[in-house]
C-alpha cells in the first residue's frame, strides 16, 4: 500500500527556491506571536504564552514546520509540540531541570558518559525547532552553539582515552544545524579514534527542515561510515512529501534510519496514530525504534501521558502490528537511572519449571523450560569477552 503524503506549500511571497533552502529556513525562523500568526490563528492566551514562557525555554520554529502545523489544513496536535503554553508556567506533578541526570555524568563540558560503551557528544545547543517537551532544557537554546576549541579538544581526548567507548552519539541541540564542513570534521575526527566502531546522529531535521538532507550531506555520511541516523517523527502528518524524500535519500545511500517517537498528550497518545506513523515509516524503510515517555522536565506536565496509558497503547498494538512496526516503549528513569523498557505483561502464572501466557488474541498456553542440567555455555565465550577493536 502506498501513502499519499502531504505537501507543505510556501506562503504567498516566498519563492520555491528560498523555501527549499535550509539556510533560508533557519534565517527566517519564527520566534514571536506576530510571526506565528502568519501561519496559524492564536488565542489571547497563546499570544500571552509567547511573552511569559520564553523566559523558561527558548522559542523557535522553521517556517516549513509552522506551515505543516498550521496553514490551510491545520493539525492542532502538532501545534502543541511547537507552541508555548501558559501551562508551562504551572507547577507540575513532577518537574526537573535535568531529568536525565546528565550533568552528573559529564566528564567534560560536551560529553555525557552514562553507559559503558557509548557517549553523547553535544556538538551544539542550537535546534531549528525548540520542542516544548524538550528533555534538555538545561542546555538547549542557551546560545552556546559549537564547542569552543578547548571544549572540542577535551571532548575528543576523553573519547580517545577511554577504549571502552565503541559508539559516539552526536546530539545537542541538533547536529544537522551545523554546516557541512564543520559536521564532516566532527565525523572525521571521531571516526579516526581506533576503538570507535560507529557514530549515531540524533536529529529532528527530517521532520522540521527536510530540505537540509542533500546529496552532499549523504555523501559526507558515506565518506565517514558507518553512520546511523536516529530520526524523530511523532505524528503521521509529519511525514510529508519533503520528509519522505529526505528519508529515502538517506536510506538509498546506505544510511540506516531508525525513528524515536515520544508519546505526547493530545498529540499521538492513541493506538491509531502510533500505528499509522509506524506503517508510513516502514513504507520508507525506516524502523520504528523507540516510543518514549515524556521526561519530566520543567513545564511539560500538560504534554505527559501516564505510564498506564502508554502501556495500554502498546499492548493494544501487540500482535496486531508486526514486530517491524512496534517501537520499544521505554522511559528514562529520572535523575540518570538510564532507560527502562516497558513491555506488555502476558504472563499469568509461573512455576519452578514453566510459565503460562495469554497472547494478544486470548490464546493461553504453557512454556516448559528444558532441564537445567542440559544448559551449557558456548565454548568460544572467552574469545568474544576479550575482544578489542582491530
Protein backbone atom coordinates (compact mmCIF):
# COMPACT_ATOMS: atom_id res chain seq x y z
CA UNK A 1 0.00 0.00 0.00
CA UNK A 2 1.32 3.41 -0.93
CA UNK A 3 0.66 6.60 1.01
CA UNK A 4 -0.21 9.98 -0.40
CA UNK A 5 1.96 12.26 1.68
CA UNK A 6 1.00 15.86 2.39
CA UNK A 7 2.94 18.57 0.55
CA UNK A 8 3.88 21.67 2.53
CA UNK A 9 3.42 24.74 0.34
CA UNK A 10 5.30 28.02 0.86
CA UNK A 11 3.23 31.03 1.90
CA UNK A 12 2.49 33.83 -0.60
CA UNK A 13 5.53 35.92 -1.39
CA UNK A 14 8.11 33.19 -0.72
CA UNK A 15 9.80 31.68 -3.76
CA UNK A 16 10.15 27.92 -4.10
CA UNK A 17 13.93 28.34 -4.26
CA UNK A 18 14.01 30.14 -0.91
CA UNK A 19 11.52 27.73 0.63
CA UNK A 20 13.68 24.72 -0.26
CA UNK A 21 16.83 26.29 1.20
CA UNK A 22 17.59 25.06 4.71
CA UNK A 23 19.67 28.16 5.35
CA UNK A 24 16.68 30.34 4.41
CA UNK A 25 14.53 28.29 6.79
CA UNK A 26 16.98 28.93 9.65
CA UNK A 27 17.41 32.62 8.86
CA UNK A 28 13.64 33.10 8.79
CA UNK A 29 12.77 31.02 11.84
CA UNK A 30 9.72 32.17 13.80
CA UNK A 31 10.02 33.22 17.42
CA UNK A 32 7.27 35.78 18.09
CA UNK A 33 3.49 35.61 18.25
CA UNK A 34 3.26 38.01 15.31
CA UNK A 35 5.39 35.71 13.16
CA UNK A 36 3.38 32.63 14.18
CA UNK A 37 0.14 34.39 13.26
CA UNK A 38 1.25 34.39 9.64
CA UNK A 39 0.77 30.61 9.70
CA UNK A 40 -1.93 29.89 12.29
CA UNK A 41 -4.57 31.52 14.44
CA UNK A 42 -3.62 32.28 18.05
CA UNK A 43 -5.91 32.78 21.01
CA UNK A 44 -5.29 35.54 23.54
CA UNK A 45 -3.82 33.00 25.95
CA UNK A 46 -1.49 31.70 23.26
CA UNK A 47 -0.26 35.21 22.49
CA UNK A 48 0.32 35.76 26.19
CA UNK A 49 2.27 32.48 26.38
CA UNK A 50 4.87 33.89 24.00
CA UNK A 51 5.59 36.66 26.49
CA UNK A 52 5.52 34.51 29.62
CA UNK A 53 7.05 31.16 28.56
CA UNK A 54 10.07 32.49 26.67
CA UNK A 55 12.00 33.15 29.86
CA UNK A 56 11.95 29.47 30.81
CA UNK A 57 12.60 27.98 27.36
CA UNK A 58 13.51 29.47 24.00
CA UNK A 59 11.01 29.66 21.11
CA UNK A 60 12.00 28.84 17.55
CA UNK A 61 10.22 27.13 14.64
CA UNK A 62 11.10 26.82 10.97
CA UNK A 63 8.56 28.32 8.53
CA UNK A 64 8.24 24.85 6.96
CA UNK A 65 7.17 23.22 10.24
CA UNK A 66 4.85 26.10 11.09
CA UNK A 67 3.18 25.73 7.68
CA UNK A 68 2.81 21.99 8.29
CA UNK A 69 1.17 22.55 11.68
CA UNK A 70 -0.98 25.48 10.55
CA UNK A 71 -1.67 26.55 7.00
CA UNK A 72 -4.87 25.66 5.18
CA UNK A 73 -5.23 22.26 6.88
CA UNK A 74 -4.04 22.77 10.48
CA UNK A 75 -3.02 19.94 12.83
CA UNK A 76 -3.74 21.03 16.44
CA UNK A 77 -1.72 18.12 17.84
CA UNK A 78 1.45 19.21 16.07
CA UNK A 79 0.82 22.79 17.18
CA UNK A 80 1.05 21.54 20.78
CA UNK A 81 4.63 20.44 20.03
CA UNK A 82 5.86 23.83 18.85
CA UNK A 83 3.59 26.38 20.58
CA UNK A 84 4.43 27.82 24.01
CA UNK A 85 1.63 27.26 26.51
CA UNK A 86 0.78 29.04 29.76
CA UNK A 87 0.61 25.58 31.35
CA UNK A 88 4.42 25.52 31.09
CA UNK A 89 4.44 28.02 33.97
CA UNK A 90 2.39 25.77 36.27
CA UNK A 91 3.97 23.58 38.92
CA UNK A 92 3.61 20.02 37.63
CA UNK A 93 3.25 16.70 39.41
CA UNK A 94 6.96 16.18 38.74
CA UNK A 95 9.37 18.53 37.05
CA UNK A 96 13.14 18.54 36.97
CA UNK A 97 15.72 20.84 35.43
CA UNK A 98 17.88 17.86 34.39
CA UNK A 99 15.57 14.81 34.33
CA UNK A 100 18.17 12.52 32.76
CA UNK A 101 20.80 13.38 35.36
CA UNK A 102 23.21 14.30 32.58
CA UNK A 103 25.11 16.94 34.50
CA UNK A 104 26.43 14.38 36.96
CA UNK A 105 27.60 12.18 34.07
CA UNK A 106 29.51 14.92 32.20
CA UNK A 107 33.27 14.31 32.45
CA UNK A 108 33.80 17.28 30.09
CA UNK A 109 31.58 20.19 29.06
CA UNK A 110 30.23 18.47 25.93
CA UNK A 111 30.38 14.75 26.78
CA UNK A 112 27.77 12.72 28.66
CA UNK A 113 29.03 9.24 29.61
CA UNK A 114 26.11 7.34 31.12
CA UNK A 115 26.52 3.88 29.58
CA UNK A 116 29.82 1.94 29.49
CA UNK A 117 30.37 1.61 25.73
CA UNK A 118 28.88 4.84 24.36
CA UNK A 119 28.93 8.57 24.93
CA UNK A 120 26.79 11.53 23.95
CA UNK A 121 28.74 14.32 22.24
CA UNK A 122 26.74 17.56 22.39
CA UNK A 123 28.11 19.38 19.36
CA UNK A 124 25.67 22.31 19.54
CA UNK A 125 22.89 23.65 21.74
CA UNK A 126 21.00 25.03 18.71
CA UNK A 127 17.83 23.45 17.30
CA UNK A 128 15.82 24.58 14.30
CA UNK A 129 12.68 23.92 16.38
CA UNK A 130 12.53 24.03 20.18
CA UNK A 131 10.02 21.31 21.03
CA UNK A 132 8.05 22.22 24.13
CA UNK A 133 8.63 18.77 25.69
CA UNK A 134 12.43 19.03 25.38
CA UNK A 135 14.29 16.91 27.92
CA UNK A 136 17.46 19.02 27.73
CA UNK A 137 16.10 22.47 28.55
CA UNK A 138 19.04 22.98 30.91
CA UNK A 139 21.36 23.01 27.87
CA UNK A 140 19.42 23.59 24.66
CA UNK A 141 18.78 27.07 23.29
CA UNK A 142 21.32 28.83 25.51
CA UNK A 143 23.32 30.34 22.61
CA UNK A 144 26.37 28.17 23.30
CA UNK A 145 26.46 26.83 19.71
CA UNK A 146 29.52 24.80 18.66
CA UNK A 147 32.05 23.88 21.36
CA UNK A 148 34.97 26.21 21.87
CA UNK A 149 38.35 24.95 20.65
CA UNK A 150 39.31 23.81 24.15
CA UNK A 151 35.92 22.16 24.78
CA UNK A 152 36.17 20.31 21.48
CA UNK A 153 39.70 19.10 22.21
CA UNK A 154 38.74 17.91 25.69
CA UNK A 155 35.78 16.01 24.26
CA UNK A 156 37.87 14.19 21.65
CA UNK A 157 40.63 13.50 24.18
CA UNK A 158 38.13 11.95 26.56
CA UNK A 159 36.79 9.62 23.87
CA UNK A 160 40.32 8.71 22.73
CA UNK A 161 41.45 7.97 26.29
CA UNK A 162 38.55 5.59 27.05
CA UNK A 163 38.92 2.47 24.94
CA UNK A 164 35.64 1.05 26.22
CA UNK A 165 33.77 3.62 24.11
CA UNK A 166 32.58 1.95 20.90
CA UNK A 167 29.83 4.34 19.88
CA UNK A 168 29.57 8.13 19.78
CA UNK A 169 26.13 9.74 19.60
CA UNK A 170 26.13 13.24 18.13
CA UNK A 171 23.40 15.28 19.75
CA UNK A 172 22.77 18.66 21.28
CA UNK A 173 20.82 20.65 20.13
CA UNK A 174 20.59 19.24 16.64
CA UNK A 175 23.87 18.24 14.93
CA UNK A 176 22.44 18.90 11.47
CA UNK A 177 22.15 22.61 12.20
CA UNK A 178 25.93 22.62 11.71
CA UNK A 179 27.22 23.39 8.23
CA UNK A 180 28.53 20.58 6.04
CA UNK A 181 32.23 21.33 6.53
CA UNK A 182 32.01 21.51 10.31
CA UNK A 183 29.84 18.40 10.54
CA UNK A 184 32.25 16.43 8.38
CA UNK A 185 35.17 17.49 10.55
CA UNK A 186 33.37 16.20 13.65
CA UNK A 187 32.56 12.89 11.96
CA UNK A 188 36.09 12.50 10.63
CA UNK A 189 37.73 13.35 13.95
CA UNK A 190 35.55 10.88 15.84
CA UNK A 191 35.86 8.08 13.28
CA UNK A 192 39.67 8.35 13.38
CA UNK A 193 39.68 7.18 17.00
CA UNK A 194 40.58 3.46 16.63
CA UNK A 195 38.16 1.96 19.16
CA UNK A 196 35.09 3.86 17.92
CA UNK A 197 33.00 1.47 15.81
CA UNK A 198 30.24 3.80 14.70
CA UNK A 199 28.61 7.20 15.02
CA UNK A 200 24.95 7.75 15.69
CA UNK A 201 23.27 11.05 14.82
CA UNK A 202 20.10 12.11 16.62
CA UNK A 203 18.22 14.73 14.61
CA UNK A 204 14.75 16.16 14.14
CA UNK A 205 15.79 17.79 10.85
CA UNK A 206 13.95 15.35 8.52
CA UNK A 207 10.77 16.38 10.36
CA UNK A 208 11.20 20.13 10.70
CA UNK A 209 13.57 21.10 7.84
CA UNK A 210 13.84 18.11 5.48
CA UNK A 211 15.46 20.22 2.76
CA UNK A 212 18.64 20.04 4.87
CA UNK A 213 19.11 16.42 3.74
CA UNK A 214 21.00 16.84 0.47
CA UNK A 215 23.17 14.76 -1.85
CA UNK A 216 26.26 16.43 -0.41
CA UNK A 217 25.19 15.66 3.15
CA UNK A 218 24.60 11.97 2.48
CA UNK A 219 27.95 11.84 0.67
CA UNK A 220 29.53 13.14 3.88
CA UNK A 221 27.87 10.29 5.75
CA UNK A 222 29.11 7.79 3.17
CA UNK A 223 32.68 9.09 3.44
CA UNK A 224 32.55 8.69 7.22
CA UNK A 225 30.57 5.47 7.57
CA UNK A 226 29.23 3.72 9.49
CA UNK A 227 26.75 6.43 10.44
CA UNK A 228 23.37 5.50 11.92
CA UNK A 229 20.59 8.07 11.79
CA UNK A 230 18.00 8.46 14.56
CA UNK A 231 15.03 10.42 13.21
CA UNK A 232 12.29 11.88 15.41
CA UNK A 233 8.77 11.80 13.97
CA UNK A 234 5.85 11.93 16.41
CA UNK A 235 2.78 12.20 14.18
CA UNK A 236 1.84 10.59 10.83
CA UNK A 237 1.17 14.01 9.30
CA UNK A 238 4.81 14.95 9.88
CA UNK A 239 5.77 12.55 7.11
CA UNK A 240 5.29 14.82 4.12
CA UNK A 241 6.45 14.59 0.53
CA UNK A 242 9.51 16.60 1.53
CA UNK A 243 10.41 14.47 4.56
CA UNK A 244 9.74 11.24 2.63
CA UNK A 245 12.26 12.40 0.02
CA UNK A 246 14.80 13.18 2.75
CA UNK A 247 14.40 9.74 4.35
CA UNK A 248 14.68 7.97 1.01
CA UNK A 249 17.83 9.94 0.22
CA UNK A 250 19.41 8.69 3.44
CA UNK A 251 18.32 5.07 3.05
CA UNK A 252 19.16 4.88 -0.66
CA UNK A 253 22.71 5.95 0.18
CA UNK A 254 23.25 3.25 2.77
CA UNK A 255 22.45 5.20 5.94
CA UNK A 256 20.33 3.06 8.31
CA UNK A 257 17.47 5.16 9.70
CA UNK A 258 15.52 4.49 12.90
CA UNK A 259 12.75 6.55 14.46
CA UNK A 260 12.36 7.63 18.06
CA UNK A 261 8.92 8.98 18.89
CA UNK A 262 7.64 10.45 22.14
CA UNK A 263 4.13 9.71 23.38
CA UNK A 264 2.55 13.15 23.83
CA UNK A 265 -0.76 14.00 25.44
CA UNK A 266 -3.20 15.34 22.85
CA UNK A 267 -0.74 14.72 20.02
CA UNK A 268 -0.30 10.99 19.40
CA UNK A 269 -1.48 9.14 22.52
CA UNK A 270 -3.76 6.73 20.69
CA UNK A 271 -3.02 3.34 19.05
CA UNK A 272 -4.38 4.50 15.67
CA UNK A 273 -1.86 7.35 15.46
CA UNK A 274 1.08 5.22 16.59
CA UNK A 275 0.20 2.50 14.07
CA UNK A 276 -0.35 4.99 11.24
CA UNK A 277 3.04 6.57 11.91
CA UNK A 278 4.78 3.18 12.05
CA UNK A 279 3.28 1.98 8.77
CA UNK A 280 4.34 5.15 6.98
CA UNK A 281 7.85 4.89 8.34
CA UNK A 282 8.16 1.26 7.30
CA UNK A 283 6.98 2.11 3.79
CA UNK A 284 10.04 4.37 3.61
CA UNK A 285 12.34 1.65 5.07
CA UNK A 286 12.63 3.42 8.43
CA UNK A 287 12.41 1.20 11.52
CA UNK A 288 10.17 2.44 14.37
CA UNK A 289 12.70 2.05 17.18
CA UNK A 290 11.66 3.75 20.43
CA UNK A 291 8.42 5.12 21.86
CA UNK A 292 9.37 7.22 24.88
CA UNK A 293 7.54 8.61 27.85
CA UNK A 294 7.95 12.38 28.09
CA UNK A 295 10.72 13.09 30.56
CA UNK A 296 9.51 15.23 33.48
CA UNK A 297 11.46 18.33 32.52
CA UNK A 298 10.15 21.69 33.65
CA UNK A 299 6.90 22.83 32.04
CA UNK A 300 5.94 19.53 30.40
CA UNK A 301 3.17 18.16 32.62
CA UNK A 302 0.42 19.06 30.13
CA UNK A 303 2.22 17.03 27.45
CA UNK A 304 2.92 13.91 29.50
CA UNK A 305 0.91 10.68 29.35
CA UNK A 306 0.56 8.27 32.25
CA UNK A 307 2.60 5.07 32.16
CA UNK A 308 -0.67 3.12 32.33
CA UNK A 309 -1.99 4.82 29.19
CA UNK A 310 1.28 4.28 27.34
CA UNK A 311 1.35 0.60 28.27
CA UNK A 312 -2.26 0.26 27.17
CA UNK A 313 -1.41 1.76 23.77
CA UNK A 314 1.48 -0.62 23.33
CA UNK A 315 -0.48 -3.69 24.43
CA UNK A 316 -3.37 -2.87 22.11
CA UNK A 317 -0.94 -2.94 19.16
CA UNK A 318 0.98 -6.03 20.24
CA UNK A 319 0.29 -8.86 17.82
CA UNK A 320 -1.96 -6.73 15.63
CA UNK A 321 1.02 -4.78 14.34
CA UNK A 322 4.04 -6.66 13.02
CA UNK A 323 7.23 -6.72 15.03
CA UNK A 324 8.77 -4.37 12.48
CA UNK A 325 6.03 -1.82 13.20
CA UNK A 326 6.34 -1.97 17.01
CA UNK A 327 8.56 0.66 18.64
CA UNK A 328 10.00 -0.24 22.03
CA UNK A 329 8.13 1.54 24.80
CA UNK A 330 10.65 2.93 27.25
CA UNK A 331 11.16 5.58 29.87
CA UNK A 332 14.30 7.23 31.13
CA UNK A 333 14.48 6.68 34.87
CA UNK A 334 14.57 10.19 36.34
CA UNK A 335 17.86 11.58 37.65
CA UNK A 336 20.08 9.44 35.46
CA UNK A 337 18.86 5.89 36.03
CA UNK A 338 19.03 5.05 32.33
CA UNK A 339 16.39 3.55 30.07
CA UNK A 340 13.81 1.14 31.43
CA UNK A 341 11.91 -0.90 28.82
CA UNK A 342 8.18 -1.29 29.40
CA UNK A 343 6.75 -4.49 27.94
CA UNK A 344 3.17 -5.78 27.97
CA UNK A 345 2.72 -8.39 30.68
CA UNK A 346 1.28 -11.54 29.11
CA UNK A 347 2.41 -13.87 31.89
CA UNK A 348 -0.45 -15.21 34.03
CA UNK A 349 1.27 -17.98 36.03
CA UNK A 350 4.72 -19.39 36.75
CA UNK A 351 6.18 -22.43 38.46
CA UNK A 352 9.75 -23.58 39.05
CA UNK A 353 9.77 -25.27 35.64
CA UNK A 354 7.34 -23.36 33.44
CA UNK A 355 5.44 -20.19 32.70
CA UNK A 356 1.93 -19.69 31.33
CA UNK A 357 0.98 -16.88 28.99
CA UNK A 358 -2.09 -15.45 27.34
CA UNK A 359 -1.38 -13.98 23.91
CA UNK A 360 -2.80 -10.85 22.32
CA UNK A 361 -5.69 -12.85 20.83
CA UNK A 362 -6.63 -14.69 24.04
CA UNK A 363 -4.79 -17.96 23.41
CA UNK A 364 -3.37 -19.35 26.67
CA UNK A 365 -0.52 -21.87 26.78
CA UNK A 366 2.30 -23.11 28.97
CA UNK A 367 6.00 -22.87 28.09
CA UNK A 368 8.06 -25.59 29.84
CA UNK A 369 11.77 -24.99 30.38
CA UNK A 370 14.36 -27.63 29.44
CA UNK A 371 16.08 -29.43 32.31
CA UNK A 372 18.72 -27.21 33.94
CA UNK A 373 21.42 -29.88 33.59
CA UNK A 374 21.18 -29.62 29.79
CA UNK A 375 22.20 -25.94 29.73
CA UNK A 376 25.78 -25.36 28.56
CA UNK A 377 27.91 -22.30 27.84
CA UNK A 378 29.18 -21.72 24.28
CA UNK A 379 32.83 -22.77 24.07
CA UNK A 380 34.02 -19.54 22.40
CA UNK A 381 32.69 -17.11 25.02
CA UNK A 382 36.15 -16.11 26.24
CA UNK A 383 37.21 -15.07 22.73
CA UNK A 384 34.36 -12.57 22.44
CA UNK A 385 34.54 -11.43 26.07
CA UNK A 386 38.12 -10.29 25.49
CA UNK A 387 37.57 -8.87 22.00
CA UNK A 388 39.10 -5.49 21.24
CA UNK A 389 38.74 -3.40 18.07
CA UNK A 390 41.42 -4.05 15.47
